[in-house]
Every structure is written in structure tokens, then in C-alpha cells.
Amino acid sequence: MQKRPVQIALFVFLLLVSSLACNALNEIVTTPTPFDVIPYPVTVPPAPTRDPSLPPRWIEFERALASVLLGSSANSVPDVSRDQGLCEWEFWGQKGEQVYVWAECVNQAGTAVSAPAVIFLGEDGHIQAVVMPQEGWGNIEELFPDPVLPLIYGNAFDAEAAMQRLEQRLKDPSVPPLIVEQGTEMPMPD
């Protein structure tokens, strides 16, 4: 007679284990994959809104570039609080918070600089620093990744066209940089 309670206990145990296994398998099978169709409606979080009292992001980029390119060569922390000149620039790549550009800037006195630079963005997307190569470009290969170097060495930036645009902008301050007119988004950290 003792065999019967042992058999019942074993049967209940096996039933319990198989029930748990089926539940675990059901969870695995019902876990969505990238190929599953998501039922609608899907709630999409709203796009972050920019403070309307802040100037457009391109103004921060232009002020930072002008501050460093036209300012002291030892200064890599830009003063974006005021205009120091006008700039035309092209984005040539990005790696994380580092944005690679070639910029040409000019001020009202006629001083102009055309050079590659690295813009360092903070996590919030604001510019933390702008670094130009050392005089003689001794550190150019340390600052720029391999895909950008041929653009620099090959003079891919059209400095003449940039200067013409800058002269136009000096005469008419309502004209934005070409990069803005073309609708290029200002980069954010990756």
C-alpha cells in the first residue's frame, strides 16, 4: 500500500514540473522578436523641444569656431556668448562626441582663417571645446581619424567659395551659413 502514495506523489511532482516547464516555454515563445509586428497604437515619446529663448544650434557652432579660429591659438574653450566673426564650415565626420570639420572664419577687421578643427561636444550636445592642429600640423594624425585625413591633405574644402559666401554674409547679416541653408543638422553626440 505504500507504493500507491509514492506513485501519486511522483505523479503530482511530474505534473508540477511539466506545468512549470510549459509556462517557461510559453514565456520564451511569446517574447517578441525584432520581426514581430507591434500592435497599434504605439505611443511615441514627443521629440525634445528646444528652449525657444535659445538661439539656433548653428549659432553656437559658428560662435565656437570663430572664437577659436580667430582668437588666441592657445584657447580651445570657445566663448559662445558673443559674435567674434562669421564662419562657413563642412562636417567631415563624427566619432562619439568628436565632430571633424573644416572651417573658414572672418571677422569685421578682415582677419580670416581656414583650417580643420575638432569640435568636442558634451553629453547635452553643447560645445565643450574646439581644437585646431598645431602650427605646422604636427599633431594632425592624432586629432583626426584615417577617413578624414585624405580630405584634409587633398584640400577638399572649397575655401574660395567659402570666402565668397563670407563676403556676402558680411554685407548682408541676414544670410545664414551655407550649411544651414542646405538644411544640414548640427551633430549631437553618438
Protein backbone atom coordinates (compact mmCIF):
# COMPACT_ATOMS: atom_id res chain seq x y z
CA MET A 1 0.00 0.00 0.00
CA GLN A 2 2.88 2.35 0.44
CA LYS A 3 3.65 2.12 -3.25
CA ARG A 4 0.46 3.93 -4.10
CA PRO A 5 1.21 7.20 -2.16
CA VAL A 6 4.72 7.25 -3.63
CA GLN A 7 3.32 6.86 -7.13
CA ILE A 8 0.77 9.61 -6.50
CA ALA A 9 3.47 11.93 -5.13
CA LEU A 10 5.69 11.16 -8.11
CA PHE A 11 2.77 11.81 -10.49
CA VAL A 12 1.97 15.16 -8.79
CA PHE A 13 5.66 16.10 -8.91
CA LEU A 14 5.93 15.29 -12.63
CA LEU A 15 2.70 17.18 -13.32
CA LEU A 16 4.04 20.21 -11.45
CA VAL A 17 7.41 20.12 -13.29
CA SER A 18 5.78 19.79 -16.71
CA SER A 19 3.38 22.63 -15.88
CA LEU A 20 6.28 24.89 -14.89
CA ALA A 21 8.22 23.88 -18.00
CA CYS A 22 5.26 24.74 -20.23
CA ASN A 23 4.91 28.15 -18.58
CA ALA A 24 8.62 28.86 -19.08
CA LEU A 25 8.40 27.69 -22.69
CA ASN A 26 5.34 29.87 -23.24
CA GLU A 27 7.30 32.91 -21.98
CA ILE A 28 10.17 32.13 -24.32
CA VAL A 29 7.87 31.63 -27.30
CA THR A 30 5.84 34.81 -26.61
CA THR A 31 8.86 37.06 -26.11
CA PRO A 32 8.76 39.49 -29.06
CA THR A 33 11.49 39.32 -31.64
CA PRO A 34 12.60 42.16 -33.92
CA PHE A 35 10.44 40.59 -36.63
CA ASP A 36 7.19 40.58 -34.63
CA VAL A 37 4.51 43.06 -35.59
CA ILE A 38 3.81 45.53 -32.81
CA PRO A 39 0.08 46.12 -32.36
CA TYR A 40 -1.10 49.70 -32.73
CA PRO A 41 -1.49 52.21 -31.23
CA VAL A 42 2.16 52.70 -30.33
CA THR A 43 2.97 55.59 -28.07
CA VAL A 44 5.90 57.53 -29.46
CA PRO A 45 7.56 59.88 -26.99
CA PRO A 46 7.46 63.50 -28.13
CA ALA A 47 10.59 64.94 -29.70
CA PRO A 48 12.57 67.03 -27.26
CA THR A 49 11.64 70.65 -27.60
CA ARG A 50 14.29 73.30 -27.68
CA ASP A 51 14.01 76.28 -25.44
CA PRO A 52 12.67 78.99 -27.78
CA SER A 53 14.73 81.62 -25.96
CA LEU A 54 17.95 79.91 -27.09
CA PRO A 55 19.45 80.79 -30.47
CA PRO A 56 19.52 78.07 -33.15
CA ARG A 57 22.26 75.44 -32.63
CA TRP A 58 24.16 76.58 -35.72
CA ILE A 59 24.87 79.91 -34.00
CA GLU A 60 26.64 78.05 -31.18
CA PHE A 61 28.74 76.20 -33.78
CA GLU A 62 29.61 79.41 -35.64
CA ARG A 63 30.48 81.32 -32.47
CA ALA A 64 32.62 78.46 -31.14
CA LEU A 65 34.52 78.10 -34.41
CA ALA A 66 35.07 81.87 -34.77
CA SER A 67 36.14 82.18 -31.14
CA VAL A 68 38.89 79.58 -31.51
CA LEU A 69 39.94 80.06 -35.14
CA LEU A 70 40.09 83.86 -34.89
CA GLY A 71 41.12 84.01 -31.23
CA SER A 72 44.17 83.02 -29.28
CA SER A 73 45.78 79.84 -30.61
CA ALA A 74 46.17 78.61 -27.01
CA ASN A 75 42.42 78.90 -26.37
CA SER A 76 40.42 75.77 -27.15
CA VAL A 77 37.45 76.61 -24.92
CA PRO A 78 35.18 78.74 -27.08
CA ASP A 79 33.39 81.88 -25.95
CA VAL A 80 29.93 81.37 -27.44
CA SER A 81 28.42 84.33 -25.59
CA ARG A 82 29.26 86.83 -28.33
CA ASP A 83 29.91 87.11 -32.04
CA GLN A 84 33.58 87.16 -32.97
CA GLY A 85 33.18 86.64 -36.67
CA LEU A 86 31.38 84.67 -39.33
CA CYS A 87 32.20 81.12 -40.42
CA GLU A 88 31.45 78.70 -43.20
CA TRP A 89 32.14 75.05 -42.40
CA GLU A 90 31.67 71.47 -43.53
CA PHE A 91 31.21 68.39 -41.36
CA TRP A 92 33.65 65.68 -42.37
CA GLY A 93 32.83 63.04 -39.82
CA GLN A 94 31.97 62.23 -36.25
CA LYS A 95 33.13 59.73 -33.66
CA GLY A 96 31.22 59.89 -30.39
CA GLU A 97 31.49 63.42 -29.05
CA GLN A 98 34.16 64.44 -31.58
CA VAL A 99 32.98 66.21 -34.72
CA TYR A 100 35.51 66.77 -37.54
CA VAL A 101 35.15 69.92 -39.61
CA TRP A 102 36.93 72.27 -41.92
CA ALA A 103 36.00 75.86 -41.24
CA GLU A 104 36.80 79.25 -42.67
CA CYS A 105 36.10 82.25 -40.46
CA VAL A 106 36.45 86.00 -40.95
CA ASN A 107 35.92 89.00 -38.68
CA GLN A 108 34.96 92.63 -39.42
CA ALA A 109 38.64 93.65 -39.48
CA GLY A 110 39.22 91.28 -42.40
CA THR A 111 41.24 88.67 -40.49
CA ALA A 112 40.46 85.25 -41.95
CA VAL A 113 41.47 81.72 -41.01
CA SER A 114 40.78 78.48 -42.86
CA ALA A 115 41.66 75.26 -41.04
CA PRO A 116 40.48 71.82 -39.98
CA ALA A 117 39.23 71.52 -36.41
CA VAL A 118 37.78 69.04 -33.96
CA ILE A 119 34.66 70.09 -32.07
CA PHE A 120 34.17 68.31 -28.75
CA LEU A 121 30.52 68.03 -27.73
CA GLY A 122 29.25 67.46 -24.21
CA GLU A 123 26.63 64.82 -23.47
CA ASP A 124 23.97 67.54 -23.81
CA GLY A 125 25.20 68.43 -27.31
CA HIS A 126 26.71 71.78 -26.33
CA ILE A 127 30.24 72.53 -27.49
CA GLN A 128 32.88 71.99 -24.83
CA ALA A 129 36.00 72.71 -26.89
CA VAL A 130 37.29 73.33 -30.39
CA VAL A 131 40.81 72.15 -31.17
CA MET A 132 42.85 73.13 -34.21
CA PRO A 133 46.01 71.34 -35.31
CA GLN A 134 49.27 72.73 -34.01
CA GLU A 135 51.14 75.14 -36.22
CA GLY A 136 52.76 73.06 -38.94
CA TRP A 137 50.09 70.40 -38.37
CA GLY A 138 52.44 68.28 -36.26
CA ASN A 139 49.53 66.62 -34.43
CA ILE A 140 47.08 66.27 -37.33
CA GLU A 141 47.17 62.47 -37.34
CA GLU A 142 46.49 62.41 -33.59
CA LEU A 143 43.44 64.68 -33.93
CA PHE A 144 41.74 63.24 -36.99
CA PRO A 145 40.77 59.65 -37.88
CA ASP A 146 42.10 58.00 -41.02
CA PRO A 147 38.96 58.58 -43.16
CA VAL A 148 39.23 62.37 -42.62
CA LEU A 149 42.95 62.73 -43.35
CA PRO A 150 42.64 62.38 -47.17
CA LEU A 151 40.04 65.17 -47.15
CA ILE A 152 42.44 67.42 -45.25
CA TYR A 153 45.52 66.58 -47.29
CA GLY A 154 43.55 66.75 -50.54
CA ASN A 155 42.21 70.25 -49.79
CA ALA A 156 38.61 69.04 -50.20
CA PHE A 157 37.21 72.22 -48.63
CA ASP A 158 36.41 74.89 -51.22
CA ALA A 159 37.99 77.84 -49.40
CA GLU A 160 37.39 80.22 -52.32
CA ALA A 161 33.64 79.53 -52.37
CA ALA A 162 33.55 79.82 -48.58
CA MET A 163 35.24 83.22 -48.71
CA GLN A 164 32.78 84.44 -51.34
CA ARG A 165 29.92 83.35 -49.10
CA LEU A 166 31.52 85.05 -46.09
CA GLU A 167 31.90 88.30 -48.05
CA GLN A 168 28.21 88.07 -48.97
CA ARG A 169 27.31 87.47 -45.31
CA LEU A 170 29.43 90.42 -44.13
CA LYS A 171 27.40 92.66 -46.46
CA ASP A 172 24.06 91.07 -45.54
CA PRO A 173 23.90 89.66 -41.97
CA SER A 174 20.54 88.01 -42.67
CA VAL A 175 22.27 85.40 -44.88
CA PRO A 176 22.97 82.24 -42.86
CA PRO A 177 25.93 79.90 -43.39
CA LEU A 178 25.58 77.70 -46.48
CA ILE A 179 25.47 74.57 -44.30
CA VAL A 180 22.35 75.95 -42.61
CA GLU A 181 20.75 76.98 -45.88
CA GLN A 182 21.28 73.42 -47.15
CA GLY A 183 19.36 72.07 -44.14
CA THR A 184 22.27 70.16 -42.56
CA GLU A 185 21.51 69.15 -38.98
CA MET A 186 24.04 70.15 -36.36
CA PRO A 187 25.50 66.95 -34.87
CA MET A 188 24.71 65.57 -31.44
CA PRO A 189 26.90 63.09 -29.54
CA ASP A 190 26.59 59.47 -30.76
